[in-house]
Amino acid sequence: MATKTGQLGLRVAPEIKTLFQTAAASQGVSVARFIEQTAIEAAQRELADRTSFTLSADQIDAWETLNSEPAKDLPGLRELLNRPSPFVD
């Protein structure tokens, strides 16, 4: 496990603090661990679910330029993709 050196502060209403304490106790973990794990899971879901990205006009032009170029021939990749699958009996 990585050493924890960062710190976040959080101010909440008393009823929210009680909610966090109750939820943490139900899982047998500290409030800090409960909040940390819950926030990590929420952040991972948020980032994994992104399906659209906003680009500026310049970024769109750069993307279109990149995608209009012919595909590069990568012999090593071609060889790898032509090998029989090791997962098929």
PDB file of N, CA and C in Angstrom:
ATOM      1  N   MET A   1       0.846  -1.184   0.000  1.00  0.00           N
ATOM      2  CA  MET A   1       0.000   0.000   0.000  1.00  0.00           C
ATOM      3  C   MET A   1       0.886   1.240   0.000  1.00  0.00           C
ATOM      4  N   ALA A   2       0.514   2.227  -0.791  1.00  0.00           N
ATOM      5  CA  ALA A   2       1.276   3.465  -0.886  1.00  0.00           C
ATOM      6  C   ALA A   2       1.177   4.248   0.417  1.00  0.00           C
ATOM      7  N   THR A   3       2.238   4.977   0.732  1.00  0.00           N
ATOM      8  CA  THR A   3       2.232   5.830   1.912  1.00  0.00           C
ATOM      9  C   THR A   3       1.287   6.990   1.672  1.00  0.00           C
ATOM     10  N   LYS A   4       0.467   7.262   2.665  1.00  0.00           N
ATOM     11  CA  LYS A   4      -0.493   8.357   2.541  1.00  0.00           C
ATOM     12  C   LYS A   4       0.150   9.641   3.027  1.00  0.00           C
ATOM     13  N   THR A   5       0.325  10.587   2.123  1.00  0.00           N
ATOM     14  CA  THR A   5       0.922  11.863   2.488  1.00  0.00           C
ATOM     15  C   THR A   5      -0.005  13.038   2.189  1.00  0.00           C
ATOM     16  N   GLY A   6      -1.045  12.802   1.385  1.00  0.00           N
ATOM     17  CA  GLY A   6      -1.995  13.865   1.057  1.00  0.00           C
ATOM     18  C   GLY A   6      -3.053  13.978   2.129  1.00  0.00           C
ATOM     19  N   GLN A   7      -3.695  15.117   2.176  1.00  0.00           N
ATOM     20  CA  GLN A   7      -4.727  15.323   3.170  1.00  0.00           C
ATOM     21  C   GLN A   7      -5.872  16.115   2.555  1.00  0.00           C
ATOM     22  N   LEU A   8      -7.100  15.729   2.885  1.00  0.00           N
ATOM     23  CA  LEU A   8      -8.294  16.459   2.486  1.00  0.00           C
ATOM     24  C   LEU A   8      -9.068  16.836   3.740  1.00  0.00           C
ATOM     25  N   GLY A   9      -9.646  18.003   3.736  1.00  0.00           N
ATOM     26  CA  GLY A   9     -10.506  18.424   4.839  1.00  0.00           C
ATOM     27  C   GLY A   9     -11.952  18.421   4.373  1.00  0.00           C
ATOM     28  N   LEU A  10     -12.848  18.092   5.278  1.00  0.00           N
ATOM     29  CA  LEU A  10     -14.254  18.009   4.895  1.00  0.00           C
ATOM     30  C   LEU A  10     -15.115  18.519   6.037  1.00  0.00           C
ATOM     31  N   ARG A  11     -15.905  19.511   5.771  1.00  0.00           N
ATOM     32  CA  ARG A  11     -16.855  20.013   6.767  1.00  0.00           C
ATOM     33  C   ARG A  11     -18.241  19.543   6.352  1.00  0.00           C
ATOM     34  N   VAL A  12     -18.964  18.947   7.308  1.00  0.00           N
ATOM     35  CA  VAL A  12     -20.313  18.453   7.029  1.00  0.00           C
ATOM     36  C   VAL A  12     -21.231  18.806   8.181  1.00  0.00           C
ATOM     37  N   ALA A  13     -22.512  18.774   7.899  1.00  0.00           N
ATOM     38  CA  ALA A  13     -23.520  18.991   8.939  1.00  0.00           C
ATOM     39  C   ALA A  13     -23.465  17.825   9.927  1.00  0.00           C
ATOM     40  N   PRO A  14     -23.853  18.049  11.172  1.00  0.00           N
ATOM     41  CA  PRO A  14     -23.800  17.000  12.192  1.00  0.00           C
ATOM     42  C   PRO A  14     -24.540  15.718  11.782  1.00  0.00           C
ATOM     43  N   GLU A  15     -25.664  15.875  11.112  1.00  0.00           N
ATOM     44  CA  GLU A  15     -26.419  14.677  10.719  1.00  0.00           C
ATOM     45  C   GLU A  15     -25.686  13.868   9.639  1.00  0.00           C
ATOM     46  N   ILE A  16     -24.927  14.547   8.801  1.00  0.00           N
ATOM     47  CA  ILE A  16     -24.131  13.841   7.793  1.00  0.00           C
ATOM     48  C   ILE A  16     -22.974  13.114   8.475  1.00  0.00           C
ATOM     49  N   LYS A  17     -22.350  13.757   9.448  1.00  0.00           N
ATOM     50  CA  LYS A  17     -21.276  13.117  10.202  1.00  0.00           C
ATOM     51  C   LYS A  17     -21.800  11.852  10.879  1.00  0.00           C
ATOM     52  N   THR A  18     -22.967  11.939  11.471  1.00  0.00           N
ATOM     53  CA  THR A  18     -23.574  10.767  12.125  1.00  0.00           C
ATOM     54  C   THR A  18     -23.861   9.683  11.093  1.00  0.00           C
ATOM     55  N   LEU A  19     -24.345  10.063   9.936  1.00  0.00           N
ATOM     56  CA  LEU A  19     -24.605   9.106   8.866  1.00  0.00           C
ATOM     57  C   LEU A  19     -23.322   8.388   8.470  1.00  0.00           C
ATOM     58  N   PHE A  20     -22.246   9.136   8.274  1.00  0.00           N
ATOM     59  CA  PHE A  20     -20.957   8.533   7.934  1.00  0.00           C
ATOM     60  C   PHE A  20     -20.482   7.586   9.040  1.00  0.00           C
ATOM     61  N   GLN A  21     -20.609   8.014  10.284  1.00  0.00           N
ATOM     62  CA  GLN A  21     -20.171   7.177  11.404  1.00  0.00           C
ATOM     63  C   GLN A  21     -20.968   5.880  11.467  1.00  0.00           C
ATOM     64  N   THR A  22     -22.262   5.961  11.262  1.00  0.00           N
ATOM     65  CA  THR A  22     -23.117   4.779  11.296  1.00  0.00           C
ATOM     66  C   THR A  22     -22.777   3.828  10.161  1.00  0.00           C
ATOM     67  N   ALA A  23     -22.596   4.376   8.972  1.00  0.00           N
ATOM     68  CA  ALA A  23     -22.257   3.544   7.812  1.00  0.00           C
ATOM     69  C   ALA A  23     -20.888   2.897   7.994  1.00  0.00           C
ATOM     70  N   ALA A  24     -19.919   3.659   8.494  1.00  0.00           N
ATOM     71  CA  ALA A  24     -18.580   3.107   8.721  1.00  0.00           C
ATOM     72  C   ALA A  24     -18.631   1.991   9.763  1.00  0.00           C
ATOM     73  N   ALA A  25     -19.363   2.221  10.831  1.00  0.00           N
ATOM     74  CA  ALA A  25     -19.490   1.200  11.877  1.00  0.00           C
ATOM     75  C   ALA A  25     -20.141  -0.061  11.339  1.00  0.00           C
ATOM     76  N   SER A  26     -21.102   0.080  10.439  1.00  0.00           N
ATOM     77  CA  SER A  26     -21.785  -1.094   9.891  1.00  0.00           C
ATOM     78  C   SER A  26     -20.834  -1.951   9.058  1.00  0.00           C
ATOM     79  N   GLN A  27     -19.767  -1.319   8.529  1.00  0.00           N
ATOM     80  CA  GLN A  27     -18.771  -2.045   7.744  1.00  0.00           C
ATOM     81  C   GLN A  27     -17.543  -2.407   8.573  1.00  0.00           C
ATOM     82  N   GLY A  28     -17.512  -1.947   9.803  1.00  0.00           N
ATOM     83  CA  GLY A  28     -16.381  -2.249  10.673  1.00  0.00           C
ATOM     84  C   GLY A  28     -15.105  -1.529  10.290  1.00  0.00           C
ATOM     85  N   VAL A  29     -15.232  -0.335   9.737  1.00  0.00           N
ATOM     86  CA  VAL A  29     -14.065   0.448   9.341  1.00  0.00           C
ATOM     87  C   VAL A  29     -14.155   1.839   9.957  1.00  0.00           C
ATOM     88  N   SER A  30     -13.037   2.573   9.913  1.00  0.00           N
ATOM     89  CA  SER A  30     -13.047   3.943  10.414  1.00  0.00           C
ATOM     90  C   SER A  30     -13.839   4.834   9.465  1.00  0.00           C
ATOM     91  N   VAL A  31     -14.249   5.975   9.984  1.00  0.00           N
ATOM     92  CA  VAL A  31     -14.968   6.935   9.137  1.00  0.00           C
ATOM     93  C   VAL A  31     -14.069   7.379   7.996  1.00  0.00           C
ATOM     94  N   ALA A  32     -12.801   7.617   8.287  1.00  0.00           N
ATOM     95  CA  ALA A  32     -11.869   8.045   7.225  1.00  0.00           C
ATOM     96  C   ALA A  32     -11.775   6.984   6.139  1.00  0.00           C
ATOM     97  N   ARG A  33     -11.645   5.716   6.531  1.00  0.00           N
ATOM     98  CA  ARG A  33     -11.547   4.638   5.535  1.00  0.00           C
ATOM     99  C   ARG A  33     -12.850   4.512   4.754  1.00  0.00           C
ATOM    100  N   PHE A  34     -13.984   4.632   5.433  1.00  0.00           N
ATOM    101  CA  PHE A  34     -15.280   4.549   4.753  1.00  0.00           C
ATOM    102  C   PHE A  34     -15.403   5.648   3.701  1.00  0.00           C
ATOM    103  N   ILE A  35     -15.083   6.887   4.086  1.00  0.00           N
ATOM    104  CA  ILE A  35     -15.205   8.003   3.159  1.00  0.00           C
ATOM    105  C   ILE A  35     -14.206   7.841   2.009  1.00  0.00           C
ATOM    106  N   GLU A  36     -12.985   7.435   2.336  1.00  0.00           N
ATOM    107  CA  GLU A  36     -11.972   7.247   1.299  1.00  0.00           C
ATOM    108  C   GLU A  36     -12.419   6.196   0.278  1.00  0.00           C
ATOM    109  N   GLN A  37     -12.841   5.027   0.747  1.00  0.00           N
ATOM    110  CA  GLN A  37     -13.228   3.953  -0.163  1.00  0.00           C
ATOM    111  C   GLN A  37     -14.460   4.331  -0.983  1.00  0.00           C
ATOM    112  N   THR A  38     -15.418   4.958  -0.346  1.00  0.00           N
ATOM    113  CA  THR A  38     -16.628   5.375  -1.052  1.00  0.00           C
ATOM    114  C   THR A  38     -16.310   6.421  -2.118  1.00  0.00           C
ATOM    115  N   ALA A  39     -15.432   7.357  -1.787  1.00  0.00           N
ATOM    116  CA  ALA A  39     -15.046   8.391  -2.759  1.00  0.00           C
ATOM    117  C   ALA A  39     -14.252   7.789  -3.919  1.00  0.00           C
ATOM    118  N   ILE A  40     -13.369   6.838  -3.619  1.00  0.00           N
ATOM    119  CA  ILE A  40     -12.604   6.175  -4.681  1.00  0.00           C
ATOM    120  C   ILE A  40     -13.552   5.463  -5.643  1.00  0.00           C
ATOM    121  N   GLU A  41     -14.498   4.709  -5.100  1.00  0.00           N
ATOM    122  CA  GLU A  41     -15.451   3.986  -5.947  1.00  0.00           C
ATOM    123  C   GLU A  41     -16.278   4.941  -6.801  1.00  0.00           C
ATOM    124  N   ALA A  42     -16.721   6.048  -6.205  1.00  0.00           N
ATOM    125  CA  ALA A  42     -17.515   7.031  -6.958  1.00  0.00           C
ATOM    126  C   ALA A  42     -16.679   7.670  -8.062  1.00  0.00           C
ATOM    127  N   ALA A  43     -15.422   7.997  -7.775  1.00  0.00           N
ATOM    128  CA  ALA A  43     -14.548   8.606  -8.781  1.00  0.00           C
ATOM    129  C   ALA A  43     -14.269   7.628  -9.919  1.00  0.00           C
ATOM    130  N   GLN A  44     -14.033   6.361  -9.582  1.00  0.00           N
ATOM    131  CA  GLN A  44     -13.778   5.360 -10.623  1.00  0.00           C
ATOM    132  C   GLN A  44     -15.008   5.165 -11.511  1.00  0.00           C
ATOM    133  N   ARG A  45     -16.197   5.127 -10.898  1.00  0.00           N
ATOM    134  CA  ARG A  45     -17.429   5.001 -11.698  1.00  0.00           C
ATOM    135  C   ARG A  45     -17.607   6.210 -12.603  1.00  0.00           C
ATOM    136  N   GLU A  46     -17.368   7.387 -12.075  1.00  0.00           N
ATOM    137  CA  GLU A  46     -17.526   8.612 -12.851  1.00  0.00           C
ATOM    138  C   GLU A  46     -16.610   8.609 -14.068  1.00  0.00           C
ATOM    139  N   LEU A  47     -15.378   8.252 -13.875  1.00  0.00           N
ATOM    140  CA  LEU A  47     -14.422   8.287 -14.976  1.00  0.00           C
ATOM    141  C   LEU A  47     -14.624   7.136 -15.949  1.00  0.00           C
ATOM    142  N   ALA A  48     -15.056   5.975 -15.466  1.00  0.00           N
ATOM    143  CA  ALA A  48     -15.265   4.825 -16.341  1.00  0.00           C
ATOM    144  C   ALA A  48     -16.487   5.009 -17.233  1.00  0.00           C
ATOM    145  N   ASP A  49     -17.439   5.792 -16.778  1.00  0.00           N
ATOM    146  CA  ASP A  49     -18.687   5.951 -17.513  1.00  0.00           C
ATOM    147  C   ASP A  49     -18.663   7.079 -18.540  1.00  0.00           C
ATOM    148  N   ARG A  50     -17.556   7.737 -18.690  1.00  0.00           N
ATOM    149  CA  ARG A  50     -17.502   8.846 -19.660  1.00  0.00           C
ATOM    150  C   ARG A  50     -17.604   8.299 -21.073  1.00  0.00           C
ATOM    151  N   THR A  51     -18.562   8.800 -21.803  1.00  0.00           N
ATOM    152  CA  THR A  51     -18.758   8.332 -23.170  1.00  0.00           C
ATOM    153  C   THR A  51     -18.642   9.460 -24.183  1.00  0.00           C
ATOM    154  N   SER A  52     -18.558  10.691 -23.724  1.00  0.00           N
ATOM    155  CA  SER A  52     -18.415  11.794 -24.660  1.00  0.00           C
ATOM    156  C   SER A  52     -17.419  12.798 -24.095  1.00  0.00           C
ATOM    157  N   PHE A  53     -16.706  13.427 -24.992  1.00  0.00           N
ATOM    158  CA  PHE A  53     -15.704  14.397 -24.606  1.00  0.00           C
ATOM    159  C   PHE A  53     -15.905  15.645 -25.440  1.00  0.00           C
ATOM    160  N   THR A  54     -15.724  16.783 -24.839  1.00  0.00           N
ATOM    161  CA  THR A  54     -15.884  18.054 -25.530  1.00  0.00           C
ATOM    162  C   THR A  54     -14.526  18.527 -26.021  1.00  0.00           C
ATOM    163  N   LEU A  55     -14.460  18.852 -27.291  1.00  0.00           N
ATOM    164  CA  LEU A  55     -13.224  19.338 -27.890  1.00  0.00           C
ATOM    165  C   LEU A  55     -13.442  20.726 -28.459  1.00  0.00           C
ATOM    166  N   SER A  56     -12.389  21.536 -28.414  1.00  0.00           N
ATOM    167  CA  SER A  56     -12.437  22.850 -29.050  1.00  0.00           C
ATOM    168  C   SER A  56     -12.341  22.648 -30.565  1.00  0.00           C
ATOM    169  N   ALA A  57     -12.579  23.698 -31.308  1.00  0.00           N
ATOM    170  CA  ALA A  57     -12.484  23.613 -32.771  1.00  0.00           C
ATOM    171  C   ALA A  57     -11.075  23.188 -33.191  1.00  0.00           C
ATOM    172  N   ASP A  58     -10.043  23.723 -32.547  1.00  0.00           N
ATOM    173  CA  ASP A  58      -8.665  23.345 -32.876  1.00  0.00           C
ATOM    174  C   ASP A  58      -8.406  21.873 -32.558  1.00  0.00           C
ATOM    175  N   GLN A  59      -8.944  21.405 -31.441  1.00  0.00           N
ATOM    176  CA  GLN A  59      -8.767  20.003 -31.069  1.00  0.00           C
ATOM    177  C   GLN A  59      -9.490  19.078 -32.045  1.00  0.00           C
ATOM    178  N   ILE A  60     -10.662  19.499 -32.512  1.00  0.00           N
ATOM    179  CA  ILE A  60     -11.398  18.701 -33.502  1.00  0.00           C
ATOM    180  C   ILE A  60     -10.603  18.619 -34.795  1.00  0.00           C
ATOM    181  N   ASP A  61     -10.034  19.744 -35.219  1.00  0.00           N
ATOM    182  CA  ASP A  61      -9.220  19.749 -36.439  1.00  0.00           C
ATOM    183  C   ASP A  61      -8.016  18.817 -36.291  1.00  0.00           C
ATOM    184  N   ALA A  62      -7.357  18.867 -35.155  1.00  0.00           N
ATOM    185  CA  ALA A  62      -6.194  18.001 -34.923  1.00  0.00           C
ATOM    186  C   ALA A  62      -6.611  16.533 -34.927  1.00  0.00           C
ATOM    187  N   TRP A  63      -7.758  16.235 -34.314  1.00  0.00           N
ATOM    188  CA  TRP A  63      -8.272  14.858 -34.281  1.00  0.00           C
ATOM    189  C   TRP A  63      -8.584  14.375 -35.697  1.00  0.00           C
ATOM    190  N   GLU A  64      -9.238  15.194 -36.478  1.00  0.00           N
ATOM    191  CA  GLU A  64      -9.588  14.831 -37.852  1.00  0.00           C
ATOM    192  C   GLU A  64      -8.337  14.636 -38.715  1.00  0.00           C
ATOM    193  N   THR A  65      -7.347  15.485 -38.519  1.00  0.00           N
ATOM    194  CA  THR A  65      -6.085  15.333 -39.254  1.00  0.00           C
ATOM    195  C   THR A  65      -5.428  14.005 -38.913  1.00  0.00           C
ATOM    196  N   LEU A  66      -5.362  13.705 -37.652  1.00  0.00           N
ATOM    197  CA  LEU A  66      -4.764  12.452 -37.196  1.00  0.00           C
ATOM    198  C   LEU A  66      -5.511  11.249 -37.762  1.00  0.00           C
ATOM    199  N   ASN A  67      -6.834  11.291 -37.748  1.00  0.00           N
ATOM    200  CA  ASN A  67      -7.629  10.159 -38.216  1.00  0.00           C
ATOM    201  C   ASN A  67      -7.705  10.040 -39.736  1.00  0.00           C
ATOM    202  N   SER A  68      -7.314  11.075 -40.456  1.00  0.00           N
ATOM    203  CA  SER A  68      -7.348  10.992 -41.918  1.00  0.00           C
ATOM    204  C   SER A  68      -6.052  10.413 -42.493  1.00  0.00           C
ATOM    205  N   GLU A  69      -5.047  10.252 -41.645  1.00  0.00           N
ATOM    206  CA  GLU A  69      -3.784   9.679 -42.102  1.00  0.00           C
ATOM    207  C   GLU A  69      -3.954   8.180 -42.324  1.00  0.00           C
ATOM    208  N   PRO A  70      -3.249   7.628 -43.303  1.00  0.00           N
ATOM    209  CA  PRO A  70      -3.346   6.176 -43.514  1.00  0.00           C
ATOM    210  C   PRO A  70      -2.761   5.422 -42.317  1.00  0.00           C
ATOM    211  N   ALA A  71      -3.289   4.246 -42.099  1.00  0.00           N
ATOM    212  CA  ALA A  71      -2.805   3.428 -40.990  1.00  0.00           C
ATOM    213  C   ALA A  71      -1.361   3.019 -41.241  1.00  0.00           C
ATOM    214  N   LYS A  72      -0.587   2.961 -40.172  1.00  0.00           N
ATOM    215  CA  LYS A  72       0.805   2.523 -40.292  1.00  0.00           C
ATOM    216  C   LYS A  72       0.848   1.007 -40.281  1.00  0.00           C
ATOM    217  N   ASP A  73       1.754   0.452 -41.063  1.00  0.00           N
ATOM    218  CA  ASP A  73       1.949  -0.993 -41.046  1.00  0.00           C
ATOM    219  C   ASP A  73       2.945  -1.308 -39.933  1.00  0.00           C
ATOM    220  N   LEU A  74       2.505  -2.078 -38.960  1.00  0.00           N
ATOM    221  CA  LEU A  74       3.356  -2.486 -37.853  1.00  0.00           C
ATOM    222  C   LEU A  74       3.546  -3.994 -37.944  1.00  0.00           C
ATOM    223  N   PRO A  75       4.634  -4.440 -38.554  1.00  0.00           N
ATOM    224  CA  PRO A  75       4.832  -5.874 -38.786  1.00  0.00           C
ATOM    225  C   PRO A  75       4.741  -6.711 -37.516  1.00  0.00           C
ATOM    226  N   GLY A  76       5.297  -6.227 -36.424  1.00  0.00           N
ATOM    227  CA  GLY A  76       5.238  -6.984 -35.171  1.00  0.00           C
ATOM    228  C   GLY A  76       3.802  -7.175 -34.692  1.00  0.00           C
ATOM    229  N   LEU A  77       3.011  -6.132 -34.800  1.00  0.00           N
ATOM    230  CA  LEU A  77       1.611  -6.227 -34.398  1.00  0.00           C
ATOM    231  C   LEU A  77       0.842  -7.135 -35.348  1.00  0.00           C
ATOM    232  N   ARG A  78       1.121  -7.016 -36.642  1.00  0.00           N
ATOM    233  CA  ARG A  78       0.459  -7.870 -37.625  1.00  0.00           C
ATOM    234  C   ARG A  78       0.760  -9.336 -37.312  1.00  0.00           C
ATOM    235  N   GLU A  79       2.026  -9.645 -37.008  1.00  0.00           N
ATOM    236  CA  GLU A  79       2.423 -11.022 -36.677  1.00  0.00           C
ATOM    237  C   GLU A  79       1.699 -11.508 -35.423  1.00  0.00           C
ATOM    238  N   LEU A  80       1.644 -10.651 -34.424  1.00  0.00           N
ATOM    239  CA  LEU A  80       0.970 -11.020 -33.181  1.00  0.00           C
ATOM    240  C   LEU A  80      -0.507 -11.336 -33.420  1.00  0.00           C
ATOM    241  N   LEU A  81      -1.177 -10.509 -34.204  1.00  0.00           N
ATOM    242  CA  LEU A  81      -2.597 -10.699 -34.452  1.00  0.00           C
ATOM    243  C   LEU A  81      -2.881 -11.896 -35.352  1.00  0.00           C
ATOM    244  N   ASN A  82      -1.902 -12.350 -36.105  1.00  0.00           N
ATOM    245  CA  ASN A  82      -2.081 -13.516 -36.965  1.00  0.00           C
ATOM    246  C   ASN A  82      -1.761 -14.847 -36.287  1.00  0.00           C
ATOM    247  N   ARG A  83      -1.231 -14.775 -35.069  1.00  0.00           N
ATOM    248  CA  ARG A  83      -0.938 -15.989 -34.321  1.00  0.00           C
ATOM    249  C   ARG A  83      -2.244 -16.643 -33.874  1.00  0.00           C
ATOM    250  N   PRO A  84      -2.255 -17.981 -33.751  1.00  0.00           N
ATOM    251  CA  PRO A  84      -3.446 -18.638 -33.179  1.00  0.00           C
ATOM    252  C   PRO A  84      -3.611 -18.214 -31.717  1.00  0.00           C
ATOM    253  N   SER A  85      -4.835 -18.133 -31.306  1.00  0.00           N
ATOM    254  CA  SER A  85      -5.113 -17.719 -29.913  1.00  0.00           C
ATOM    255  C   SER A  85      -4.681 -18.815 -28.951  1.00  0.00           C
ATOM    256  N   PRO A  86      -4.013 -18.452 -27.888  1.00  0.00           N
ATOM    257  CA  PRO A  86      -3.633 -19.441 -26.869  1.00  0.00           C
ATOM    258  C   PRO A  86      -4.831 -19.830 -25.988  1.00  0.00           C
ATOM    259  N   PHE A  87      -5.951 -19.135 -26.138  1.00  0.00           N
ATOM    260  CA  PHE A  87      -7.114 -19.375 -25.293  1.00  0.00           C
ATOM    261  C   PHE A  87      -8.144 -20.288 -25.943  1.00  0.00           C
ATOM    262  N   VAL A  88      -7.874 -20.741 -27.140  1.00  0.00           N
ATOM    263  CA  VAL A  88      -8.812 -21.624 -27.839  1.00  0.00           C
ATOM    264  C   VAL A  88      -8.254 -23.041 -27.793  1.00  0.00           C
ATOM    265  N   ASP A  89      -9.096 -23.980 -27.406  1.00  0.00           N
ATOM    266  CA  ASP A  89      -8.650 -25.383 -27.359  1.00  0.00           C
ATOM    267  C   ASP A  89      -8.540 -25.986 -28.722  1.00  0.00           C
TER     268      ASP A  89
END
